[in-house]
Amino acid sequence: MDEGLKNGIDKIKRLSDSLKRRTEVYSSLVAMDDKGTARALGALQRAPAPGKKIQKVGFILLFSPDPFTTFAGPPLIIAGKYLDRVYNGATIKDIGTQTKDFASHMTSIKDTMR
């Protein structure tokens, strides 16, 4: 077997093992039973989306009849769209799901290379 192919397979195996360990860590984080930890993880599981809220306020100000608030609306809408792009509302559950999907994909690649 070619040396480069062996190195590639070894790298994929190491990556797959790392992903399995990471998935186990995320799963164990969710299973913790401490109240403070549960509150903190709950806040992460219900991550706020500030960009959408700022956009709503911007549209309300834009369409309100007061002429002074019309000028404040568009900057808030733009700031909300920027925050939507920069800040994603990913939660721990989303990260764990994506990690599990990627781990299963890497496992299937590893199995087909044998």
N, C-alpha and C. Protein backbone atom coordinates (compact mmCIF):
# COMPACT_ATOMS: atom_id res chain seq x y z
N MET A 1 0.85 -1.18 0.00
CA MET A 1 0.00 0.00 0.00
C MET A 1 0.89 1.24 0.00
N ASP A 2 0.46 2.26 -0.65
CA ASP A 2 1.22 3.49 -0.77
C ASP A 2 1.36 4.16 0.60
N GLU A 3 2.52 4.71 0.87
CA GLU A 3 2.79 5.35 2.17
C GLU A 3 1.88 6.56 2.41
N GLY A 4 1.61 7.34 1.39
CA GLY A 4 0.74 8.51 1.52
C GLY A 4 -0.68 8.11 1.87
N LEU A 5 -1.14 6.99 1.29
CA LEU A 5 -2.48 6.50 1.58
C LEU A 5 -2.58 6.01 3.02
N LYS A 6 -1.52 5.33 3.50
CA LYS A 6 -1.50 4.88 4.89
C LYS A 6 -1.55 6.06 5.85
N ASN A 7 -0.78 7.10 5.54
CA ASN A 7 -0.79 8.30 6.39
C ASN A 7 -2.17 8.96 6.39
N GLY A 8 -2.82 8.99 5.23
CA GLY A 8 -4.16 9.57 5.14
C GLY A 8 -5.16 8.79 5.96
N ILE A 9 -5.07 7.46 5.91
CA ILE A 9 -5.97 6.62 6.68
C ILE A 9 -5.73 6.81 8.18
N ASP A 10 -4.46 6.90 8.57
CA ASP A 10 -4.14 7.13 9.98
C ASP A 10 -4.70 8.46 10.47
N LYS A 11 -4.58 9.50 9.64
CA LYS A 11 -5.12 10.80 10.03
C LYS A 11 -6.63 10.74 10.20
N ILE A 12 -7.31 10.04 9.29
CA ILE A 12 -8.77 9.92 9.38
C ILE A 12 -9.16 9.15 10.63
N LYS A 13 -8.42 8.10 10.98
CA LYS A 13 -8.70 7.32 12.19
C LYS A 13 -8.53 8.19 13.43
N ARG A 14 -7.45 8.97 13.47
CA ARG A 14 -7.23 9.84 14.62
C ARG A 14 -8.32 10.90 14.74
N LEU A 15 -8.74 11.46 13.61
CA LEU A 15 -9.81 12.45 13.61
C LEU A 15 -11.12 11.83 14.08
N SER A 16 -11.40 10.64 13.63
CA SER A 16 -12.62 9.95 14.04
C SER A 16 -12.62 9.68 15.55
N ASP A 17 -11.49 9.25 16.09
CA ASP A 17 -11.39 9.01 17.53
C ASP A 17 -11.57 10.31 18.31
N SER A 18 -10.99 11.38 17.82
CA SER A 18 -11.13 12.68 18.48
C SER A 18 -12.59 13.13 18.48
N LEU A 19 -13.28 12.92 17.36
CA LEU A 19 -14.68 13.30 17.29
C LEU A 19 -15.54 12.47 18.23
N LYS A 20 -15.22 11.20 18.36
CA LYS A 20 -15.98 10.35 19.29
C LYS A 20 -15.80 10.86 20.72
N ARG A 21 -14.58 11.20 21.09
CA ARG A 21 -14.34 11.72 22.44
C ARG A 21 -15.07 13.04 22.65
N ARG A 22 -15.06 13.90 21.65
CA ARG A 22 -15.73 15.20 21.75
C ARG A 22 -17.24 15.01 21.90
N THR A 23 -17.80 14.07 21.17
CA THR A 23 -19.23 13.78 21.28
C THR A 23 -19.58 13.28 22.67
N GLU A 24 -18.72 12.44 23.24
CA GLU A 24 -18.95 11.95 24.59
C GLU A 24 -18.91 13.09 25.61
N VAL A 25 -17.99 14.04 25.41
CA VAL A 25 -17.91 15.18 26.32
C VAL A 25 -19.18 16.02 26.25
N TYR A 26 -19.66 16.30 25.03
CA TYR A 26 -20.88 17.09 24.89
C TYR A 26 -22.08 16.35 25.50
N SER A 27 -22.14 15.04 25.30
CA SER A 27 -23.25 14.27 25.86
C SER A 27 -23.19 14.28 27.38
N SER A 28 -22.01 14.18 27.96
CA SER A 28 -21.89 14.20 29.41
C SER A 28 -22.20 15.59 29.98
N LEU A 29 -21.91 16.65 29.22
CA LEU A 29 -22.26 18.00 29.67
C LEU A 29 -23.77 18.16 29.82
N VAL A 30 -24.51 17.61 28.88
CA VAL A 30 -25.96 17.74 28.91
C VAL A 30 -26.54 16.93 30.07
N ALA A 31 -25.88 15.84 30.44
CA ALA A 31 -26.41 14.95 31.47
C ALA A 31 -26.08 15.40 32.90
N MET A 32 -25.34 16.48 33.08
CA MET A 32 -24.98 16.93 34.43
C MET A 32 -26.23 17.36 35.20
N ASP A 33 -26.21 17.14 36.53
CA ASP A 33 -27.41 17.36 37.33
C ASP A 33 -27.25 18.50 38.34
N ASP A 34 -26.25 19.32 38.23
CA ASP A 34 -26.06 20.45 39.13
C ASP A 34 -27.01 21.58 38.72
N LYS A 35 -27.64 22.25 39.71
CA LYS A 35 -28.62 23.29 39.37
C LYS A 35 -27.99 24.49 38.68
N GLY A 36 -26.83 24.91 39.16
CA GLY A 36 -26.15 26.04 38.52
C GLY A 36 -25.72 25.70 37.11
N THR A 37 -25.19 24.49 36.95
CA THR A 37 -24.78 24.05 35.62
C THR A 37 -26.00 23.90 34.72
N ALA A 38 -27.06 23.36 35.28
CA ALA A 38 -28.28 23.19 34.49
C ALA A 38 -28.83 24.54 34.04
N ARG A 39 -28.75 25.56 34.91
CA ARG A 39 -29.22 26.89 34.54
C ARG A 39 -28.35 27.48 33.42
N ALA A 40 -27.03 27.31 33.55
CA ALA A 40 -26.13 27.84 32.53
C ALA A 40 -26.32 27.11 31.20
N LEU A 41 -26.45 25.80 31.25
CA LEU A 41 -26.67 25.04 30.01
C LEU A 41 -28.05 25.36 29.43
N GLY A 42 -29.02 25.61 30.29
CA GLY A 42 -30.34 26.00 29.80
C GLY A 42 -30.29 27.31 29.06
N ALA A 43 -29.49 28.23 29.55
CA ALA A 43 -29.33 29.51 28.85
C ALA A 43 -28.68 29.30 27.49
N LEU A 44 -27.74 28.35 27.41
CA LEU A 44 -27.13 28.06 26.12
C LEU A 44 -28.09 27.33 25.19
N GLN A 45 -28.97 26.51 25.76
CA GLN A 45 -29.92 25.79 24.93
C GLN A 45 -31.02 26.71 24.41
N ARG A 46 -31.26 27.80 25.08
CA ARG A 46 -32.24 28.79 24.63
C ARG A 46 -31.50 30.07 24.25
N ALA A 47 -30.57 29.95 23.37
CA ALA A 47 -29.72 31.09 23.00
C ALA A 47 -30.57 32.19 22.36
N PRO A 48 -30.41 33.42 22.80
CA PRO A 48 -31.18 34.51 22.22
C PRO A 48 -30.63 34.90 20.85
N ALA A 49 -31.48 35.50 20.07
CA ALA A 49 -31.07 36.00 18.76
C ALA A 49 -31.24 37.51 18.77
N PRO A 50 -30.21 38.26 19.20
CA PRO A 50 -30.37 39.71 19.35
C PRO A 50 -30.57 40.42 18.02
N GLY A 51 -30.05 39.88 16.94
CA GLY A 51 -30.18 40.54 15.65
C GLY A 51 -31.62 40.67 15.21
N LYS A 52 -32.40 39.63 15.40
CA LYS A 52 -33.80 39.67 14.98
C LYS A 52 -34.60 40.67 15.82
N LYS A 53 -34.27 40.75 17.10
CA LYS A 53 -34.98 41.69 17.97
C LYS A 53 -34.66 43.13 17.58
N ILE A 54 -33.38 43.38 17.28
CA ILE A 54 -32.99 44.74 16.88
C ILE A 54 -33.64 45.10 15.55
N GLN A 55 -33.74 44.13 14.64
CA GLN A 55 -34.39 44.39 13.36
C GLN A 55 -35.86 44.74 13.56
N LYS A 56 -36.54 44.02 14.46
CA LYS A 56 -37.95 44.31 14.72
C LYS A 56 -38.12 45.73 15.26
N VAL A 57 -37.27 46.11 16.19
CA VAL A 57 -37.34 47.47 16.73
C VAL A 57 -37.09 48.49 15.63
N GLY A 58 -36.12 48.19 14.75
CA GLY A 58 -35.83 49.10 13.64
C GLY A 58 -37.01 49.27 12.70
N PHE A 59 -37.71 48.18 12.38
CA PHE A 59 -38.88 48.28 11.51
C PHE A 59 -40.01 49.02 12.20
N ILE A 60 -40.17 48.81 13.49
CA ILE A 60 -41.21 49.54 14.23
C ILE A 60 -40.92 51.03 14.21
N LEU A 61 -39.66 51.39 14.45
CA LEU A 61 -39.30 52.81 14.42
C LEU A 61 -39.41 53.39 13.01
N LEU A 62 -39.09 52.60 11.99
CA LEU A 62 -39.15 53.08 10.61
C LEU A 62 -40.58 53.39 10.20
N PHE A 63 -41.50 52.55 10.62
CA PHE A 63 -42.89 52.72 10.19
C PHE A 63 -43.75 53.49 11.20
N SER A 64 -43.14 54.00 12.26
CA SER A 64 -43.92 54.81 13.20
C SER A 64 -44.12 56.21 12.60
N PRO A 65 -45.18 56.89 12.98
CA PRO A 65 -45.50 58.18 12.35
C PRO A 65 -44.59 59.33 12.77
N ASP A 66 -43.86 59.19 13.84
CA ASP A 66 -43.00 60.27 14.31
C ASP A 66 -41.83 60.45 13.34
N PRO A 67 -41.55 61.66 12.84
CA PRO A 67 -40.48 61.83 11.84
C PRO A 67 -39.07 61.60 12.39
N PHE A 68 -38.87 61.75 13.69
CA PHE A 68 -37.53 61.57 14.25
C PHE A 68 -37.15 60.09 14.35
N THR A 69 -38.13 59.24 14.56
CA THR A 69 -37.82 57.82 14.68
C THR A 69 -37.55 57.17 13.32
N THR A 70 -38.00 57.80 12.24
CA THR A 70 -37.76 57.26 10.91
C THR A 70 -36.27 57.20 10.61
N PHE A 71 -35.50 58.15 11.10
CA PHE A 71 -34.06 58.15 10.86
C PHE A 71 -33.33 57.11 11.71
N ALA A 72 -33.92 56.71 12.82
CA ALA A 72 -33.28 55.72 13.69
C ALA A 72 -33.57 54.29 13.24
N GLY A 73 -34.59 54.08 12.43
CA GLY A 73 -34.98 52.74 12.02
C GLY A 73 -33.97 52.02 11.13
N PRO A 74 -33.55 52.63 10.00
CA PRO A 74 -32.63 51.92 9.10
C PRO A 74 -31.29 51.50 9.74
N PRO A 75 -30.65 52.36 10.57
CA PRO A 75 -29.42 51.86 11.20
C PRO A 75 -29.65 50.65 12.11
N LEU A 76 -30.79 50.61 12.79
CA LEU A 76 -31.10 49.45 13.62
C LEU A 76 -31.34 48.21 12.78
N ILE A 77 -31.99 48.38 11.64
CA ILE A 77 -32.23 47.23 10.75
C ILE A 77 -30.90 46.69 10.23
N ILE A 78 -30.02 47.60 9.83
CA ILE A 78 -28.70 47.18 9.33
C ILE A 78 -27.89 46.51 10.44
N ALA A 79 -27.93 47.08 11.63
CA ALA A 79 -27.20 46.47 12.76
C ALA A 79 -27.76 45.09 13.08
N GLY A 80 -29.07 44.93 13.00
CA GLY A 80 -29.68 43.63 13.24
C GLY A 80 -29.26 42.59 12.22
N LYS A 81 -29.21 43.00 10.96
CA LYS A 81 -28.76 42.07 9.91
C LYS A 81 -27.29 41.70 10.12
N TYR A 82 -26.49 42.66 10.52
CA TYR A 82 -25.07 42.37 10.79
C TYR A 82 -24.93 41.38 11.95
N LEU A 83 -25.69 41.60 13.02
CA LEU A 83 -25.62 40.70 14.16
C LEU A 83 -26.12 39.30 13.81
N ASP A 84 -27.10 39.22 12.90
CA ASP A 84 -27.56 37.90 12.46
C ASP A 84 -26.45 37.15 11.75
N ARG A 85 -25.64 37.86 11.00
CA ARG A 85 -24.54 37.19 10.29
C ARG A 85 -23.39 36.84 11.23
N VAL A 86 -23.09 37.72 12.17
CA VAL A 86 -21.95 37.50 13.07
C VAL A 86 -22.31 36.53 14.18
N TYR A 87 -23.47 36.73 14.80
CA TYR A 87 -23.87 35.91 15.94
C TYR A 87 -24.87 34.88 15.47
N ASN A 88 -24.53 33.62 15.62
CA ASN A 88 -25.52 32.60 15.30
C ASN A 88 -26.13 32.10 16.59
N GLY A 89 -27.32 31.66 16.53
CA GLY A 89 -28.02 31.18 17.71
C GLY A 89 -27.79 29.71 17.96
N ALA A 90 -26.59 29.22 17.66
CA ALA A 90 -26.31 27.80 17.84
C ALA A 90 -26.30 27.47 19.33
N THR A 91 -26.87 26.34 19.65
CA THR A 91 -26.93 25.89 21.03
C THR A 91 -26.04 24.67 21.19
N ILE A 92 -25.91 24.21 22.41
CA ILE A 92 -25.10 23.02 22.66
C ILE A 92 -25.70 21.82 21.92
N LYS A 93 -27.03 21.75 21.87
CA LYS A 93 -27.68 20.64 21.17
C LYS A 93 -27.31 20.65 19.69
N ASP A 94 -27.28 21.84 19.07
CA ASP A 94 -26.90 21.93 17.67
C ASP A 94 -25.46 21.48 17.46
N ILE A 95 -24.58 21.90 18.35
CA ILE A 95 -23.17 21.52 18.22
C ILE A 95 -23.01 20.01 18.38
N GLY A 96 -23.71 19.44 19.37
CA GLY A 96 -23.64 18.00 19.56
C GLY A 96 -24.19 17.23 18.38
N THR A 97 -25.30 17.71 17.82
CA THR A 97 -25.89 17.05 16.66
C THR A 97 -24.95 17.09 15.47
N GLN A 98 -24.36 18.26 15.21
CA GLN A 98 -23.44 18.37 14.09
C GLN A 98 -22.20 17.51 14.29
N THR A 99 -21.71 17.45 15.53
CA THR A 99 -20.54 16.63 15.82
C THR A 99 -20.84 15.16 15.60
N LYS A 100 -22.03 14.71 16.05
CA LYS A 100 -22.41 13.31 15.84
C LYS A 100 -22.55 12.99 14.36
N ASP A 101 -23.16 13.89 13.60
CA ASP A 101 -23.30 13.68 12.16
C ASP A 101 -21.94 13.58 11.49
N PHE A 102 -21.04 14.48 11.85
CA PHE A 102 -19.71 14.47 11.26
C PHE A 102 -18.94 13.22 11.67
N ALA A 103 -19.10 12.79 12.92
CA ALA A 103 -18.42 11.58 13.40
C ALA A 103 -18.92 10.36 12.66
N SER A 104 -20.22 10.27 12.44
CA SER A 104 -20.75 9.12 11.70
C SER A 104 -20.29 9.15 10.25
N HIS A 105 -20.20 10.33 9.69
CA HIS A 105 -19.70 10.46 8.32
C HIS A 105 -18.24 10.02 8.23
N MET A 106 -17.43 10.46 9.18
CA MET A 106 -16.02 10.07 9.18
C MET A 106 -15.86 8.56 9.42
N THR A 107 -16.72 7.98 10.25
CA THR A 107 -16.68 6.54 10.50
C THR A 107 -17.01 5.77 9.22
N SER A 108 -18.01 6.25 8.49
CA SER A 108 -18.36 5.56 7.25
C SER A 108 -17.24 5.68 6.21
N ILE A 109 -16.57 6.82 6.18
CA ILE A 109 -15.41 6.96 5.27
C ILE A 109 -14.31 6.01 5.68
N LYS A 110 -14.06 5.93 6.98
CA LYS A 110 -13.01 5.04 7.48
C LYS A 110 -13.34 3.58 7.15
N ASP A 111 -14.62 3.21 7.29
CA ASP A 111 -15.01 1.83 7.02
C ASP A 111 -14.90 1.48 5.54
N THR A 112 -15.17 2.45 4.66
CA THR A 112 -15.06 2.17 3.23
C THR A 112 -13.61 2.10 2.77
N MET A 113 -12.68 2.69 3.52
CA MET A 113 -11.27 2.68 3.11
C MET A 113 -10.55 1.41 3.54
N ARG A 114 -11.18 0.57 4.32
CA ARG A 114 -10.53 -0.65 4.76
C ARG A 114 -10.43 -1.66 3.66
